[in-house]
Amino acid sequence: SFETYKMVHPYIFVFMVPITSTFGEIIHGHDVVTGFCSGSMKLYSSSGEVEVFRKLQISVNIKTSRALVEGCGCYHLYERENYRGRSYKANKRGEHKISLRKVKFLLKVPC
C-alpha cells in the first residue's frame, strides 16, 4: 500500500547513501593499503644502473643521487635500515635529487 511505501522509502535512502559513498572512494584508488595504488620508485645508481621498487617496504643497499617516482604513492628513503639515519622524503611524482650517501631502506607511504 502507499502508506507502507512512505515508511520504507526513507530507510532505503539511509542504507543506500553509505554504499554510494564507499563505492566512490574505491574508484579513486589512491589508498596504498587497498592495493589500488600502482606506483614505483626508480633509483639510479652512481654506475648508471636502475633499480625499480614497488613494495611497501624493502631493505636495499644502493649508492644513488637521483630517483624517479612514477604513479601514485610517496616514498621515504633512509640511510640506515629500519627507519634509521638521515632520510629523504619523495612526496611528489617526478625526478628527485637524493642528498643521502647511500639508501639502505625504502618505505612506500600515502601522500
Protein backbone atom coordinates (compact mmCIF):
# COMPACT_ATOMS: atom_id res chain seq x y z
CA SER A 1 0.00 0.00 0.00
CA PHE A 2 1.00 3.63 -0.31
CA GLU A 3 1.36 4.07 3.49
CA THR A 4 3.85 1.16 3.65
CA TYR A 5 5.89 2.65 0.78
CA LYS A 6 6.14 6.00 2.59
CA MET A 7 7.55 4.24 5.68
CA VAL A 8 10.01 2.00 3.82
CA HIS A 9 11.27 4.62 1.36
CA PRO A 10 13.31 6.69 3.91
CA TYR A 11 15.01 3.51 5.16
CA ILE A 12 16.10 2.58 1.65
CA PHE A 13 17.67 6.02 1.22
CA VAL A 14 19.56 5.75 4.52
CA PHE A 15 21.04 2.39 3.52
CA MET A 16 21.99 3.50 0.00
CA VAL A 17 23.98 6.60 0.99
CA PRO A 18 26.86 4.71 2.74
CA ILE A 19 27.12 2.24 -0.15
CA THR A 20 27.39 5.04 -2.69
CA SER A 21 29.95 6.90 -0.61
CA THR A 22 32.14 3.81 -0.14
CA PHE A 23 31.93 2.92 -3.81
CA GLY A 24 33.18 6.40 -4.74
CA GLU A 25 36.26 6.02 -2.53
CA ILE A 26 37.14 2.66 -4.07
CA ILE A 27 37.03 4.05 -7.60
CA HIS A 28 39.60 6.76 -6.83
CA GLY A 29 42.09 4.07 -5.78
CA HIS A 30 44.64 6.28 -4.01
CA ASP A 31 44.87 4.11 -0.91
CA VAL A 32 48.07 2.06 -0.69
CA VAL A 33 46.54 -0.36 1.84
CA THR A 34 43.73 -1.47 -0.51
CA GLY A 35 46.19 -2.32 -3.29
CA PHE A 36 44.82 0.12 -5.87
CA CYS A 37 48.00 2.20 -5.90
CA SER A 38 50.42 1.00 -8.56
CA GLY A 39 53.29 3.44 -8.26
CA SER A 40 57.00 2.72 -8.29
CA MET A 41 60.31 4.25 -7.26
CA LYS A 42 63.32 4.04 -9.57
CA LEU A 43 66.73 4.57 -8.01
CA TYR A 44 69.62 5.35 -10.34
CA SER A 45 72.97 4.11 -9.04
CA SER A 46 76.17 6.08 -9.47
CA SER A 47 77.28 3.48 -12.05
CA GLY A 48 74.16 4.14 -14.17
CA GLU A 49 72.12 1.06 -13.23
CA VAL A 50 68.40 1.40 -12.49
CA GLU A 51 66.61 -0.42 -9.65
CA VAL A 52 62.78 -0.40 -9.62
CA PHE A 53 60.86 -0.80 -6.34
CA ARG A 54 57.12 -1.37 -5.89
CA LYS A 55 56.89 -2.97 -2.42
CA LEU A 56 55.63 -1.17 0.69
CA GLN A 57 58.99 -1.53 2.43
CA ILE A 58 62.25 -3.13 1.50
CA SER A 59 65.88 -3.26 2.56
CA VAL A 60 68.19 -2.08 -0.21
CA ASN A 61 71.83 -1.13 -0.49
CA ILE A 62 72.35 1.32 -3.30
CA LYS A 63 74.53 4.40 -3.71
CA THR A 64 72.36 6.89 -5.56
CA SER A 65 72.00 10.59 -6.20
CA ARG A 66 68.77 10.55 -8.17
CA ALA A 67 65.34 8.89 -8.06
CA LEU A 68 62.15 8.89 -10.10
CA VAL A 69 58.66 8.45 -8.61
CA GLU A 70 56.06 7.15 -11.06
CA GLY A 71 52.34 6.58 -10.50
CA CYS A 72 50.79 7.12 -7.10
CA GLY A 73 52.38 6.89 -3.69
CA CYS A 74 55.22 8.67 -1.95
CA TYR A 75 58.45 7.24 -0.56
CA HIS A 76 60.75 7.73 2.40
CA LEU A 77 64.37 6.74 1.82
CA TYR A 78 66.70 6.07 4.77
CA GLU A 79 70.49 5.84 5.02
CA ARG A 80 70.22 3.02 7.55
CA GLU A 81 67.86 0.06 7.91
CA ASN A 82 64.58 0.06 9.88
CA TYR A 83 63.72 3.77 9.52
CA ARG A 84 67.04 4.96 10.97
CA GLY A 85 69.61 7.53 9.94
CA ARG A 86 69.17 10.52 7.69
CA SER A 87 66.13 10.35 5.44
CA TYR A 88 64.74 11.84 2.27
CA LYS A 89 61.02 12.25 1.58
CA ALA A 90 59.94 11.91 -2.06
CA ASN A 91 56.44 13.35 -1.75
CA LYS A 92 55.56 14.01 -5.37
CA ARG A 93 55.84 12.35 -8.76
CA GLY A 94 58.82 13.06 -10.94
CA GLU A 95 62.58 13.20 -10.56
CA HIS A 96 64.30 13.82 -7.23
CA LYS A 97 67.88 14.69 -6.36
CA ILE A 98 68.78 12.47 -3.39
CA SER A 99 71.01 14.02 -0.74
CA LEU A 100 71.81 10.74 1.03
CA ARG A 101 75.18 8.97 0.76
CA LYS A 102 73.52 5.58 0.38
CA VAL A 103 69.93 4.24 0.53
CA LYS A 104 69.55 1.18 2.73
CA PHE A 105 65.80 1.21 3.45
CA LEU A 106 62.83 2.29 1.34
CA LEU A 107 59.27 2.79 2.64
CA LYS A 108 56.20 3.49 0.47
CA VAL A 109 53.72 5.83 2.20
CA PRO A 110 50.44 7.53 1.27
CA CYS A 111 50.88 11.11 0.03
